N, C-alpha and C. Protein backbone atom coordinates (compact mmCIF):
# COMPACT_ATOMS: atom_id res chain seq x y z
N MET A 1 -53.76 32.83 -14.53
CA MET A 1 -53.23 33.38 -13.36
C MET A 1 -51.98 33.76 -13.31
N HIS A 2 -51.48 34.95 -13.16
CA HIS A 2 -50.09 35.27 -13.09
C HIS A 2 -49.56 35.07 -11.70
N ARG A 3 -48.44 34.46 -11.73
CA ARG A 3 -47.85 34.37 -10.35
C ARG A 3 -46.12 34.29 -10.26
N ALA A 4 -45.63 34.68 -9.46
CA ALA A 4 -43.94 34.82 -9.31
C ALA A 4 -43.57 33.41 -9.25
N LEU A 5 -42.67 32.94 -9.92
CA LEU A 5 -42.00 31.65 -9.86
C LEU A 5 -40.85 31.73 -9.02
N GLY A 6 -40.64 30.69 -8.06
CA GLY A 6 -39.62 30.63 -7.22
C GLY A 6 -38.42 29.71 -7.78
N ILE A 7 -38.07 28.88 -6.80
CA ILE A 7 -36.64 28.03 -7.18
C ILE A 7 -37.06 26.84 -8.27
N SER A 8 -38.26 26.28 -8.26
CA SER A 8 -38.56 25.12 -9.09
C SER A 8 -39.89 25.35 -9.78
N LYS A 9 -40.02 25.90 -11.04
CA LYS A 9 -41.14 25.86 -11.84
C LYS A 9 -41.93 24.52 -11.82
N GLU A 10 -41.30 23.36 -12.04
CA GLU A 10 -42.02 22.21 -12.17
C GLU A 10 -42.61 21.75 -10.78
N ILE A 11 -42.07 21.98 -9.66
CA ILE A 11 -42.57 21.81 -8.35
C ILE A 11 -43.87 22.57 -8.19
N GLU A 12 -43.54 24.07 -8.48
CA GLU A 12 -44.67 24.97 -8.24
C GLU A 12 -45.79 24.59 -9.08
N ASP A 13 -45.55 24.30 -10.35
CA ASP A 13 -46.68 23.95 -11.32
C ASP A 13 -47.59 22.96 -10.84
N ALA A 14 -46.79 21.91 -10.23
CA ALA A 14 -47.49 20.54 -9.63
C ALA A 14 -48.28 20.92 -8.38
N ALA A 15 -47.68 21.86 -7.48
CA ALA A 15 -48.46 22.21 -6.15
C ALA A 15 -49.65 23.29 -6.60
N TRP A 16 -49.48 23.91 -7.76
CA TRP A 16 -50.65 24.70 -8.18
C TRP A 16 -51.72 23.94 -8.64
N PHE A 17 -51.30 22.81 -9.13
CA PHE A 17 -52.48 22.00 -9.91
C PHE A 17 -53.40 21.72 -8.63
N VAL A 18 -52.86 21.44 -7.44
CA VAL A 18 -53.73 21.07 -6.35
C VAL A 18 -54.29 22.50 -5.71
N LEU A 19 -53.31 23.52 -5.44
CA LEU A 19 -53.71 24.62 -4.76
C LEU A 19 -54.72 25.40 -5.49
N GLY A 20 -54.55 25.65 -6.72
CA GLY A 20 -55.31 26.56 -7.44
C GLY A 20 -56.72 26.30 -7.51
N PRO A 21 -57.22 25.16 -7.62
CA PRO A 21 -58.86 24.93 -7.42
C PRO A 21 -59.19 25.07 -5.88
N GLY A 22 -58.47 24.61 -5.09
CA GLY A 22 -58.58 24.75 -3.63
C GLY A 22 -58.74 26.25 -2.97
N LEU A 23 -57.76 26.98 -3.46
CA LEU A 23 -57.78 28.37 -2.77
C LEU A 23 -58.98 29.08 -3.76
N HIS A 24 -59.38 28.70 -4.83
CA HIS A 24 -60.54 29.36 -5.62
C HIS A 24 -61.80 28.78 -5.19
N GLY A 25 -61.97 27.76 -4.24
CA GLY A 25 -63.24 27.16 -3.88
C GLY A 25 -63.89 26.29 -4.98
N LYS A 26 -62.87 25.90 -5.88
CA LYS A 26 -63.39 24.99 -6.72
C LYS A 26 -63.46 23.51 -6.52
N PRO A 27 -64.08 22.49 -7.22
CA PRO A 27 -63.72 21.13 -7.06
C PRO A 27 -62.35 20.88 -7.25
N SER A 28 -62.06 19.72 -6.64
CA SER A 28 -60.54 19.21 -6.75
C SER A 28 -60.16 18.96 -8.01
N ALA A 29 -58.92 19.21 -8.45
CA ALA A 29 -58.26 18.82 -9.83
C ALA A 29 -58.15 17.30 -9.95
N LEU A 30 -58.28 16.64 -8.77
CA LEU A 30 -57.89 15.18 -8.87
C LEU A 30 -59.31 14.41 -9.33
N ASP A 31 -60.30 14.96 -9.33
CA ASP A 31 -61.51 14.39 -9.77
C ASP A 31 -62.41 15.24 -10.57
N GLY A 32 -62.32 16.60 -10.28
CA GLY A 32 -63.12 17.54 -10.92
C GLY A 32 -64.61 17.77 -10.43
N ARG A 33 -64.91 17.07 -9.13
CA ARG A 33 -66.19 17.04 -8.74
C ARG A 33 -66.21 17.30 -7.14
N THR A 34 -65.31 16.82 -6.51
CA THR A 34 -65.17 16.72 -5.11
C THR A 34 -64.56 18.18 -4.52
N LYS A 35 -65.28 18.64 -3.77
CA LYS A 35 -64.81 20.03 -3.10
C LYS A 35 -64.14 19.70 -1.83
N THR A 36 -62.86 19.47 -2.01
CA THR A 36 -61.94 19.01 -0.75
C THR A 36 -61.60 20.37 -0.05
N TRP A 37 -61.45 21.42 -0.57
CA TRP A 37 -61.09 22.69 0.36
C TRP A 37 -62.17 23.38 0.96
N SER A 38 -62.91 22.70 1.96
CA SER A 38 -63.98 23.08 2.59
C SER A 38 -63.60 23.04 4.02
N VAL A 39 -64.54 23.73 4.86
CA VAL A 39 -64.44 23.86 6.36
C VAL A 39 -64.84 22.49 6.58
N GLN A 40 -65.77 21.70 6.08
CA GLN A 40 -66.38 20.45 6.67
C GLN A 40 -65.28 19.55 6.40
N ALA A 41 -64.73 19.34 5.20
CA ALA A 41 -63.81 18.26 4.80
C ALA A 41 -62.59 18.61 5.72
N ALA A 42 -62.04 19.74 5.85
CA ALA A 42 -60.75 20.17 6.69
C ALA A 42 -61.17 19.81 8.39
N ALA A 43 -62.33 20.10 8.75
CA ALA A 43 -62.58 19.94 10.13
C ALA A 43 -62.76 18.37 10.26
N GLU A 44 -63.28 17.67 9.58
CA GLU A 44 -63.27 16.22 9.51
C GLU A 44 -61.98 15.50 9.47
N LEU A 45 -61.26 16.04 8.72
CA LEU A 45 -59.85 15.26 8.58
C LEU A 45 -58.98 15.86 9.96
N LEU A 46 -59.26 16.93 10.14
CA LEU A 46 -58.49 17.46 11.67
C LEU A 46 -58.79 16.69 12.70
N ASP A 47 -60.03 16.50 12.90
CA ASP A 47 -60.61 15.62 13.96
C ASP A 47 -60.26 14.28 13.88
N ARG A 48 -60.09 13.66 12.92
CA ARG A 48 -59.58 12.31 12.83
C ARG A 48 -58.01 12.33 13.19
N LEU A 49 -57.29 13.46 12.67
CA LEU A 49 -55.84 13.41 12.87
C LEU A 49 -55.64 13.60 14.30
N GLU A 50 -56.47 14.51 15.02
CA GLU A 50 -56.13 14.91 16.56
C GLU A 50 -56.63 13.60 17.35
N ARG A 51 -57.25 12.64 16.88
CA ARG A 51 -57.47 11.40 17.75
C ARG A 51 -56.13 10.71 18.06
N GLY A 52 -55.14 10.92 17.28
CA GLY A 52 -53.79 10.42 17.37
C GLY A 52 -53.73 9.07 16.74
N VAL A 53 -52.53 8.53 16.84
CA VAL A 53 -52.46 7.19 16.10
C VAL A 53 -52.85 5.96 17.06
N PRO A 54 -53.53 5.10 16.35
CA PRO A 54 -54.03 3.99 16.95
C PRO A 54 -52.86 3.05 17.40
N ASP A 55 -51.86 3.01 16.72
CA ASP A 55 -50.72 2.23 17.14
C ASP A 55 -49.34 2.93 16.86
N PRO A 56 -48.85 3.33 17.99
CA PRO A 56 -47.54 4.10 17.79
C PRO A 56 -46.49 3.45 16.94
N LYS A 57 -46.48 2.15 17.02
CA LYS A 57 -45.35 1.43 16.45
C LYS A 57 -45.61 1.02 14.89
N ALA A 58 -46.92 1.50 14.42
CA ALA A 58 -47.32 1.03 13.18
C ALA A 58 -46.97 2.18 12.19
N PRO A 59 -46.72 1.78 10.98
CA PRO A 59 -46.21 3.06 9.95
C PRO A 59 -47.30 4.10 9.96
N MET A 60 -46.92 5.23 9.67
CA MET A 60 -47.86 6.36 9.71
C MET A 60 -49.13 6.11 8.70
N MET A 61 -48.86 5.48 7.67
CA MET A 61 -49.77 5.38 6.63
C MET A 61 -51.05 4.27 7.26
N THR A 62 -50.43 3.33 8.01
CA THR A 62 -51.46 2.35 8.54
C THR A 62 -52.29 3.08 9.63
N ASN A 63 -51.69 4.04 10.15
CA ASN A 63 -52.54 4.59 11.31
C ASN A 63 -53.56 5.74 10.53
N LEU A 64 -53.17 6.29 9.55
CA LEU A 64 -53.91 7.09 8.69
C LEU A 64 -54.92 6.48 8.08
N ARG A 65 -54.85 5.27 7.42
CA ARG A 65 -55.98 4.45 6.96
C ARG A 65 -56.75 4.13 7.96
N GLN A 66 -56.45 3.78 9.14
CA GLN A 66 -57.48 3.38 10.25
C GLN A 66 -58.22 4.66 10.56
N ASN A 67 -57.73 5.68 10.82
CA ASN A 67 -58.33 6.95 11.26
C ASN A 67 -59.28 7.48 10.20
N LEU A 68 -58.98 7.00 8.99
CA LEU A 68 -60.03 7.63 7.84
C LEU A 68 -60.75 6.39 7.34
N GLN A 69 -61.00 5.35 8.09
CA GLN A 69 -61.75 4.37 7.61
C GLN A 69 -63.11 4.57 7.03
N ASP A 70 -63.94 5.24 7.84
CA ASP A 70 -65.23 5.53 7.66
C ASP A 70 -65.47 7.01 7.15
N ALA A 71 -64.40 7.67 6.92
CA ALA A 71 -64.48 9.21 6.56
C ALA A 71 -65.30 9.46 5.26
N SER A 72 -65.71 10.73 5.09
CA SER A 72 -66.29 11.24 3.90
C SER A 72 -65.25 11.21 2.80
N ARG A 73 -65.78 11.12 1.57
CA ARG A 73 -64.91 11.41 0.39
C ARG A 73 -64.20 12.53 0.50
N GLY A 74 -64.90 13.59 0.78
CA GLY A 74 -64.03 14.87 0.92
C GLY A 74 -62.87 14.82 1.85
N ALA A 75 -63.02 14.21 3.13
CA ALA A 75 -62.06 14.28 3.93
C ALA A 75 -60.84 13.24 3.47
N LYS A 76 -61.08 12.33 2.83
CA LYS A 76 -60.14 11.31 2.21
C LYS A 76 -59.22 11.80 1.19
N GLN A 77 -60.33 12.60 0.39
CA GLN A 77 -59.49 13.19 -0.73
C GLN A 77 -58.38 14.33 -0.38
N LEU A 78 -58.89 15.14 0.60
CA LEU A 78 -58.20 16.18 1.03
C LEU A 78 -56.86 15.60 1.66
N ALA A 79 -57.18 14.53 2.31
CA ALA A 79 -55.80 13.83 2.70
C ALA A 79 -54.77 13.53 1.63
N VAL A 80 -55.35 12.92 0.62
CA VAL A 80 -54.52 12.70 -0.56
C VAL A 80 -54.07 13.97 -0.95
N GLU A 81 -54.50 15.07 -1.17
CA GLU A 81 -53.99 16.38 -1.66
C GLU A 81 -53.02 16.88 -0.47
N LEU A 82 -53.17 16.66 0.65
CA LEU A 82 -52.34 17.37 1.68
C LEU A 82 -51.12 16.44 1.80
N LEU A 83 -51.28 15.19 1.50
CA LEU A 83 -49.98 14.38 1.57
C LEU A 83 -48.99 14.68 0.42
N PHE A 84 -49.75 14.94 -0.71
CA PHE A 84 -48.96 15.33 -1.86
C PHE A 84 -48.27 16.77 -1.64
N LEU A 85 -49.22 17.68 -1.13
CA LEU A 85 -48.55 19.08 -1.02
C LEU A 85 -47.41 19.08 0.06
N GLN A 86 -47.54 18.30 1.16
CA GLN A 86 -46.49 18.02 2.06
C GLN A 86 -45.26 17.39 1.60
N SER A 87 -45.13 16.53 0.92
CA SER A 87 -43.91 15.81 0.47
C SER A 87 -43.49 16.52 -0.74
N LEU A 88 -44.12 17.22 -1.82
CA LEU A 88 -43.87 17.59 -2.98
C LEU A 88 -42.44 18.48 -2.98
N PRO A 89 -42.25 19.42 -2.13
CA PRO A 89 -40.94 20.03 -2.22
C PRO A 89 -39.71 19.20 -1.69
N LEU A 90 -39.94 18.18 -1.15
CA LEU A 90 -38.86 17.57 -0.46
C LEU A 90 -37.66 16.81 -1.68
N ALA A 91 -36.52 17.10 -1.29
CA ALA A 91 -35.55 16.58 -2.23
C ALA A 91 -34.90 15.29 -1.35
N HIS A 92 -35.11 14.02 -2.09
CA HIS A 92 -34.57 12.95 -1.58
C HIS A 92 -33.99 12.04 -2.50
N GLU A 93 -33.42 10.86 -2.17
CA GLU A 93 -33.00 9.96 -2.96
C GLU A 93 -34.06 9.48 -3.77
N VAL A 94 -33.90 8.53 -4.77
CA VAL A 94 -34.92 7.89 -5.70
C VAL A 94 -35.73 6.90 -4.86
N LYS A 95 -35.22 6.37 -3.92
CA LYS A 95 -35.87 5.41 -2.91
C LYS A 95 -37.06 6.13 -2.35
N SER A 96 -36.60 7.26 -1.68
CA SER A 96 -37.68 8.07 -1.05
C SER A 96 -38.77 8.76 -1.97
N LEU A 97 -38.33 9.03 -3.14
CA LEU A 97 -39.27 9.54 -4.15
C LEU A 97 -40.36 8.42 -4.20
N LYS A 98 -40.08 7.20 -4.47
CA LYS A 98 -40.84 6.14 -4.66
C LYS A 98 -41.91 6.04 -3.36
N VAL A 99 -41.32 6.19 -2.17
CA VAL A 99 -42.17 6.35 -0.91
C VAL A 99 -43.12 7.46 -0.97
N LYS A 100 -42.73 8.76 -1.44
CA LYS A 100 -43.55 9.84 -1.49
C LYS A 100 -44.61 9.53 -2.45
N ARG A 101 -44.34 9.09 -3.59
CA ARG A 101 -45.46 8.70 -4.63
C ARG A 101 -46.40 7.64 -4.09
N ALA A 102 -45.83 6.58 -3.36
CA ALA A 102 -46.49 5.74 -2.98
C ALA A 102 -47.56 5.96 -1.84
N ARG A 103 -47.18 6.97 -0.99
CA ARG A 103 -47.92 7.48 -0.03
C ARG A 103 -49.43 8.04 -0.58
N VAL A 104 -49.02 8.89 -1.63
CA VAL A 104 -50.27 9.47 -2.23
C VAL A 104 -51.10 8.62 -2.92
N ALA A 105 -50.58 7.63 -3.79
CA ALA A 105 -51.13 6.67 -4.37
C ALA A 105 -52.05 5.73 -3.32
N GLU A 106 -51.47 5.34 -2.27
CA GLU A 106 -51.95 4.44 -1.18
C GLU A 106 -53.20 5.28 -0.67
N ALA A 107 -53.20 6.61 -0.34
CA ALA A 107 -54.28 7.23 0.19
C ALA A 107 -55.33 7.51 -0.86
N ALA A 108 -55.06 7.62 -2.04
CA ALA A 108 -56.09 7.61 -3.03
C ALA A 108 -56.72 6.22 -3.37
N SER A 109 -56.06 5.18 -3.13
CA SER A 109 -56.77 3.91 -3.04
C SER A 109 -57.86 3.78 -1.88
N TRP A 110 -57.81 4.39 -1.08
CA TRP A 110 -58.86 4.26 0.03
C TRP A 110 -60.15 5.04 -0.12
N LEU A 111 -60.35 5.70 -1.30
CA LEU A 111 -61.62 6.43 -1.66
C LEU A 111 -62.50 5.18 -2.45
N GLU A 112 -63.56 5.42 -2.45
CA GLU A 112 -64.63 4.34 -3.16
C GLU A 112 -65.42 4.99 -4.07
N PRO A 113 -65.29 5.01 -5.20
CA PRO A 113 -64.31 4.17 -5.76
C PRO A 113 -62.93 4.87 -5.89
N PRO A 114 -61.83 3.93 -5.92
CA PRO A 114 -60.50 4.60 -5.72
C PRO A 114 -60.19 5.67 -6.75
N LEU A 115 -59.51 6.78 -6.26
CA LEU A 115 -59.22 7.80 -7.11
C LEU A 115 -58.10 7.47 -7.97
N GLU A 116 -58.20 7.61 -9.30
CA GLU A 116 -57.21 7.51 -10.26
C GLU A 116 -56.48 8.89 -10.36
N LEU A 117 -55.11 8.89 -9.94
CA LEU A 117 -54.47 10.00 -9.83
C LEU A 117 -54.12 10.71 -11.35
N PRO A 118 -54.21 11.77 -11.56
CA PRO A 118 -53.82 12.20 -13.06
C PRO A 118 -52.21 12.40 -12.98
N ASP A 119 -51.78 12.30 -14.40
CA ASP A 119 -50.26 12.62 -14.62
C ASP A 119 -49.81 13.79 -14.00
N GLU A 120 -50.67 14.96 -14.14
CA GLU A 120 -50.13 16.18 -13.76
C GLU A 120 -49.91 16.34 -12.27
N LEU A 121 -50.41 15.34 -11.52
CA LEU A 121 -50.17 15.51 -10.09
C LEU A 121 -48.59 15.04 -9.90
N TYR A 122 -48.06 14.27 -10.52
CA TYR A 122 -46.80 13.58 -10.40
C TYR A 122 -45.73 14.43 -11.23
N ALA A 123 -45.98 15.25 -11.88
CA ALA A 123 -45.22 16.02 -12.87
C ALA A 123 -43.83 16.74 -12.10
N GLY A 124 -44.22 17.31 -10.95
CA GLY A 124 -43.27 18.02 -10.27
C GLY A 124 -42.87 17.23 -8.91
N MET A 125 -43.37 16.10 -8.83
CA MET A 125 -42.75 15.22 -7.58
C MET A 125 -41.63 14.36 -8.33
N THR A 126 -40.44 14.85 -8.15
CA THR A 126 -39.35 14.28 -8.74
C THR A 126 -38.43 13.96 -7.56
N ASP A 127 -37.12 13.44 -7.92
CA ASP A 127 -36.12 13.02 -6.95
C ASP A 127 -35.42 14.35 -6.37
N HIS A 128 -35.60 15.49 -7.19
CA HIS A 128 -34.94 16.68 -6.74
C HIS A 128 -36.11 17.59 -6.01
N GLY A 129 -35.76 18.51 -5.26
CA GLY A 129 -36.55 19.35 -4.67
C GLY A 129 -35.89 20.62 -3.97
N VAL A 130 -36.64 21.41 -3.29
CA VAL A 130 -36.22 22.61 -2.72
C VAL A 130 -36.02 22.61 -1.22
N ILE A 131 -36.40 21.50 -0.66
CA ILE A 131 -36.25 21.33 0.85
C ILE A 131 -35.29 20.08 1.11
N ARG A 132 -34.12 20.11 1.54
CA ARG A 132 -33.22 18.89 1.82
C ARG A 132 -33.33 18.36 3.34
N ASP A 133 -34.00 17.55 3.56
CA ASP A 133 -33.99 16.93 4.91
C ASP A 133 -33.96 15.36 5.05
N ARG A 134 -32.74 14.92 5.15
CA ARG A 134 -32.69 13.40 5.12
C ARG A 134 -32.87 12.82 6.37
N THR A 135 -33.44 13.41 7.47
CA THR A 135 -33.47 12.88 8.79
C THR A 135 -34.80 12.19 9.03
N ALA A 136 -34.69 11.08 9.84
CA ALA A 136 -35.95 10.50 10.16
C ALA A 136 -36.89 11.45 11.08
N GLU A 137 -36.45 12.55 11.64
CA GLU A 137 -37.35 13.06 12.48
C GLU A 137 -38.50 13.85 11.64
N PHE A 138 -38.18 14.20 10.31
CA PHE A 138 -38.92 14.86 9.29
C PHE A 138 -40.36 13.87 9.22
N ASN A 139 -40.12 12.52 9.17
CA ASN A 139 -41.11 11.69 8.85
C ASN A 139 -42.08 11.66 10.04
N TRP A 140 -41.43 11.83 11.36
CA TRP A 140 -42.13 11.69 12.44
C TRP A 140 -43.28 12.74 12.54
N THR A 141 -42.92 13.85 11.93
CA THR A 141 -43.90 15.07 11.97
C THR A 141 -44.83 15.04 10.96
N ILE A 142 -45.05 14.19 10.05
CA ILE A 142 -46.01 14.27 9.09
C ILE A 142 -47.31 14.54 9.62
N TRP A 143 -47.70 13.71 10.61
CA TRP A 143 -48.94 14.01 11.36
C TRP A 143 -49.39 15.41 11.63
N ASP A 144 -48.29 15.80 12.27
CA ASP A 144 -48.30 17.37 12.64
C ASP A 144 -48.46 18.37 11.24
N HIS A 145 -47.66 18.03 10.24
CA HIS A 145 -48.00 18.82 9.23
C HIS A 145 -49.35 18.79 8.55
N LEU A 146 -49.94 17.62 8.52
CA LEU A 146 -51.23 17.45 7.97
C LEU A 146 -52.04 18.25 8.93
N LYS A 147 -52.08 18.24 10.26
CA LYS A 147 -53.05 18.93 10.98
C LYS A 147 -52.83 20.44 10.70
N TRP A 148 -51.63 21.08 10.63
CA TRP A 148 -51.52 22.29 10.26
C TRP A 148 -51.95 22.70 9.03
N LEU A 149 -51.83 21.79 7.99
CA LEU A 149 -52.42 22.07 6.77
C LEU A 149 -53.95 22.15 6.62
N CYS A 150 -54.45 21.18 7.55
CA CYS A 150 -56.11 21.09 7.80
C CYS A 150 -56.47 22.43 8.40
N ARG A 151 -55.76 23.10 9.16
CA ARG A 151 -56.12 24.41 9.86
C ARG A 151 -56.10 25.44 8.69
N PHE A 152 -54.96 25.39 7.96
CA PHE A 152 -54.73 26.24 6.72
C PHE A 152 -55.95 26.31 6.08
N VAL A 153 -56.34 24.94 5.57
CA VAL A 153 -57.61 24.99 4.70
C VAL A 153 -58.87 25.43 5.38
N GLN A 154 -59.04 25.20 6.67
CA GLN A 154 -60.19 25.55 7.16
C GLN A 154 -60.38 27.08 7.18
N HIS A 155 -59.11 27.85 7.43
CA HIS A 155 -58.81 29.20 7.69
C HIS A 155 -59.18 29.88 6.13
N VAL A 156 -58.71 29.39 5.33
CA VAL A 156 -58.69 29.85 3.88
C VAL A 156 -60.29 29.63 3.41
N ALA A 157 -60.98 28.53 3.78
CA ALA A 157 -62.10 28.19 3.28
C ALA A 157 -63.23 29.19 3.99
N GLN A 158 -62.91 29.61 5.03
CA GLN A 158 -63.81 30.65 5.90
C GLN A 158 -63.75 31.99 5.20
N ARG A 159 -62.92 32.30 4.19
CA ARG A 159 -62.68 33.76 3.84
C ARG A 159 -63.57 33.81 2.65
N PRO A 160 -63.93 35.04 2.34
CA PRO A 160 -64.88 35.39 1.00
C PRO A 160 -64.24 34.85 -0.22
N PRO A 161 -64.71 34.08 -1.15
CA PRO A 161 -64.04 33.58 -2.25
C PRO A 161 -63.33 34.67 -3.16
N GLY A 162 -64.19 35.75 -3.29
CA GLY A 162 -63.37 37.05 -3.94
C GLY A 162 -62.01 37.44 -3.51
N ALA A 163 -62.15 37.47 -2.07
CA ALA A 163 -60.95 37.95 -1.25
C ALA A 163 -59.74 36.87 -1.53
N VAL A 164 -59.91 35.71 -1.63
CA VAL A 164 -58.92 34.74 -1.59
C VAL A 164 -58.45 34.83 -3.18
N ALA A 165 -59.33 34.75 -4.11
CA ALA A 165 -58.98 34.91 -5.51
C ALA A 165 -58.00 36.03 -5.81
N ALA A 166 -58.32 37.35 -5.22
CA ALA A 166 -57.58 38.41 -5.30
C ALA A 166 -56.17 38.28 -4.57
N ALA A 167 -56.35 37.70 -3.49
CA ALA A 167 -55.02 37.61 -2.60
C ALA A 167 -54.10 36.63 -3.31
N VAL A 168 -54.57 35.72 -4.06
CA VAL A 168 -53.60 34.69 -4.70
C VAL A 168 -52.73 35.29 -5.59
N LYS A 169 -53.19 36.46 -6.12
CA LYS A 169 -52.18 37.21 -7.09
C LYS A 169 -51.20 38.08 -6.56
N ASP A 170 -51.32 38.46 -5.16
CA ASP A 170 -50.52 39.41 -4.69
C ASP A 170 -49.91 38.62 -3.24
N PRO A 171 -48.79 38.34 -3.18
CA PRO A 171 -48.22 37.84 -1.87
C PRO A 171 -48.32 38.28 -0.61
N LEU A 172 -48.18 39.70 -0.64
CA LEU A 172 -48.40 40.33 0.57
C LEU A 172 -50.12 40.49 1.06
N ALA A 173 -50.91 40.49 -0.17
CA ALA A 173 -52.30 40.28 0.22
C ALA A 173 -52.79 39.09 0.91
N PHE A 174 -52.06 38.10 0.12
CA PHE A 174 -52.22 36.69 0.64
C PHE A 174 -51.71 36.43 2.13
N HIS A 175 -50.79 37.13 2.40
CA HIS A 175 -50.04 37.01 3.81
C HIS A 175 -51.10 37.35 4.60
N GLN A 176 -51.79 38.54 4.27
CA GLN A 176 -52.51 39.38 5.22
C GLN A 176 -53.92 38.54 5.29
N LEU A 177 -54.37 37.96 4.26
CA LEU A 177 -55.59 37.17 4.24
C LEU A 177 -55.51 35.91 5.40
N VAL A 178 -54.38 35.43 4.93
CA VAL A 178 -54.12 34.03 5.92
C VAL A 178 -53.71 34.24 7.34
N ALA A 179 -53.18 35.44 7.50
CA ALA A 179 -52.67 35.96 8.98
C ALA A 179 -53.84 36.35 9.74
N ALA A 180 -55.02 37.00 9.06
CA ALA A 180 -56.20 37.63 9.63
C ALA A 180 -56.87 36.63 10.69
N PRO A 181 -57.26 37.19 11.83
CA PRO A 181 -57.80 36.29 12.86
C PRO A 181 -59.14 35.89 12.07
N ARG A 182 -59.60 34.60 12.65
CA ARG A 182 -60.85 34.17 12.26
C ARG A 182 -62.02 34.96 12.64
């Protein structure tokens, strides 16, 4: 598939490692068998996120783990993918890079059996990025980012697969596809 490249080829390649199969209705690149970008997985994850945080003083990952405790594999694995996509373009110090990678790896460990993450996933998750925000407020909104991404996955998963595949090649067609009412 041909696509226009933006600021960082390595970041975009890493994102497309997850986005490509998801947008084309294929099983996740993380395990090759779980269909994560489905209406069902996104709805389940969104429902669990909308429950709110069990303990507002607990770390975000502790609350997420509690909310996903008995979730389906599809919902848990979608959470891994969305945590990855949410943090991938961020530019932070090396310490924050370790935190980003640790979040994705921790969420992958909640699956049974635990998901072993492929090297390709981390190829673009470097200490540099295209979004620079070192404020704590950004971390406070991760929960909201994940809810937005769930709604995006639901919206795209409801579109005809051929329409999504065609729109991925054309930014204007993709915009029209995702902006279209349900």
